[in-house]
Protein backbone atom coordinates (compact mmCIF):
# COMPACT_ATOMS: atom_id res chain seq x y z
CA MET A 1 -25.49 -3.84 9.27
CA SER A 2 -23.22 -6.35 8.64
CA ASP A 3 -20.01 -6.83 10.35
CA THR A 4 -18.26 -7.03 6.64
CA THR A 5 -20.11 -3.61 5.40
CA THR A 6 -19.14 -1.94 8.60
CA SER A 7 -15.33 -2.61 8.04
CA GLN A 8 -14.97 -2.36 4.98
CA LEU A 9 -16.83 1.46 5.35
CA GLU A 10 -14.68 1.89 8.29
CA ILE A 11 -11.49 1.20 5.61
CA LEU A 12 -13.36 4.16 2.90
CA ARG A 13 -13.54 6.61 6.14
CA ALA A 14 -9.70 5.98 6.69
CA ASP A 15 -8.91 5.93 3.15
CA LEU A 16 -10.85 8.87 2.37
CA LYS A 17 -9.61 11.20 5.44
CA ALA A 18 -5.94 10.35 4.40
CA ARG A 19 -6.92 11.80 1.07
CA ILE A 20 -8.22 14.64 2.26
CA ASP A 21 -5.24 15.23 4.79
CA THR A 22 -2.91 14.83 1.84
CA ALA A 23 -4.76 17.46 -0.64
CA ILE A 24 -5.19 19.87 2.19
CA ASP A 25 -1.35 19.85 3.41
CA ALA A 26 -0.65 20.30 -0.64
CA ALA A 27 -3.03 23.19 -0.62
CA ILE A 28 -1.52 24.79 2.35
CA CYS A 29 1.95 24.05 0.43
CA LYS A 30 0.83 25.77 -2.76
CA LEU A 31 -0.63 28.96 -0.53
CA SER A 32 2.20 29.51 2.20
CA GLY A 33 4.88 29.10 -1.07
CA GLN A 34 6.48 26.39 0.76
CA SER A 35 8.48 23.80 -1.04
CA ALA A 36 5.84 19.76 -1.08
CA PRO A 37 6.55 17.62 2.16
CA ALA A 38 8.74 14.56 1.54
CA THR A 39 6.68 11.97 0.43
CA VAL A 40 4.94 9.69 2.42
CA PHE A 41 4.72 6.24 1.67
CA LYS A 42 1.38 4.75 2.83
CA VAL A 43 -0.03 1.19 4.20
CA PRO A 44 -1.57 -0.48 1.15
CA THR A 45 -5.59 -1.27 2.03
CA PHE A 46 -7.65 -4.44 1.18
CA ALA A 47 -8.51 -2.99 -1.80
CA ASP A 48 -5.55 -1.49 -3.07
CA GLY A 49 -4.31 -5.49 -2.49
CA GLN A 50 -7.04 -5.92 -4.73
CA ASP A 51 -6.65 -3.82 -7.44
CA PRO A 52 -6.29 -5.37 -10.88
CA ARG A 53 -3.10 -3.15 -11.68
CA ASN A 54 -1.32 -5.05 -9.02
CA LYS A 55 -0.88 -8.69 -11.71
CA ASN A 56 -0.19 -9.46 -15.22
CA GLY A 57 -1.87 -12.86 -15.82
CA MET A 58 0.00 -14.41 -13.02
CA ASN A 59 2.74 -12.04 -11.93
CA LEU A 60 3.07 -9.47 -9.72
CA THR A 61 4.12 -5.84 -11.54
CA PRO A 62 5.98 -3.44 -10.05
CA ARG A 63 2.83 -1.97 -8.26
CA GLY A 64 2.05 -5.40 -6.83
CA VAL A 65 5.38 -6.13 -5.95
CA GLU A 66 5.67 -2.55 -3.88
CA ILE A 67 1.75 -3.99 -2.37
CA LEU A 68 3.41 -6.75 -0.60
CA TYR A 69 7.03 -5.14 0.37
CA ARG A 70 4.69 -2.09 2.03
CA LEU A 71 2.10 -4.79 3.83
CA PHE A 72 5.84 -6.73 4.84
CA ASP A 73 6.63 -3.32 6.40
CA ASP A 74 3.43 -2.81 8.04
CA GLY A 75 4.76 -6.38 9.46
CA ALA A 76 1.92 -8.57 7.54
CA GLY A 77 3.20 -12.68 7.35
CA TYR A 78 2.60 -14.71 4.32
CA ASN A 79 -1.40 -15.38 4.91
CA ARG A 80 -2.34 -11.72 5.42
CA ALA A 81 0.11 -10.67 2.29
CA ALA A 82 -1.30 -13.36 -0.11
CA LYS A 83 -4.40 -13.21 0.83
CA ALA A 84 -4.34 -9.45 0.20
CA LEU A 85 -3.31 -9.97 -3.46
CA SER A 86 -4.74 -13.17 -3.79
CA ILE A 87 -1.43 -14.93 -4.32
CA SER A 88 -0.39 -18.05 -2.76
CA GLN A 89 1.65 -18.47 0.24
CA GLY A 90 4.80 -19.73 -1.24
CA ALA A 91 4.70 -16.93 -3.52
CA ALA A 92 4.51 -14.69 -0.51
CA LYS A 93 7.29 -16.46 1.46
CA ASN A 94 9.57 -16.26 -1.87
CA ARG A 95 8.64 -12.68 -2.32
CA LYS A 96 9.47 -12.18 1.53
CA GLN A 97 12.82 -13.78 1.52
CA ILE A 98 13.69 -11.33 -1.45
CA TRP A 99 12.60 -8.38 0.43
CA THR A 100 14.84 -9.40 3.25
CA LYS A 101 17.42 -9.46 1.03
CA LEU A 102 16.54 -5.48 -0.26
CA GLY A 103 17.17 -4.78 3.55
CA GLY A 104 13.90 -5.21 4.95
CA LEU A 105 12.28 -2.26 6.53
CA ASN A 106 15.44 -0.46 5.02
CA ARG A 107 15.00 -0.94 1.51
CA THR A 108 14.33 2.23 -1.30
CA LYS A 109 10.72 1.84 -1.19
CA GLN A 110 9.00 3.07 -4.78
CA VAL A 111 6.61 6.08 -5.39
CA ILE A 112 3.66 4.27 -6.37
CA ASP A 113 -0.27 6.00 -7.09
CA ILE A 114 -1.45 5.20 -3.59
CA ASP A 115 1.19 7.61 -1.99
CA VAL A 116 0.02 11.03 -4.52
CA ALA A 117 -3.03 12.73 -3.76
């Protein structure tokens, strides 16, 4: 098996484990009558970055912007972020400046579909 295939399978494994954990936590809360835990903001995978919902033509959608900001939250540089969303490094650099003005790691995060089980 190639290294690329193996790494893709490991990414899939991590994603599936996270979804199972979220589903079981929600079920435990529901059965015990407790309120749902606070939203956990997940780090996007490469597949999340390549999702067609991230772009509207050449522009990033609100979902794409949040994915990009989460990559910056995770310590991604321009190159990693640009490759993840298939945008130019210049566009990633401009978005990182906006991310910094919004507070960087302390910005208000938006809930997107990858956060919901």
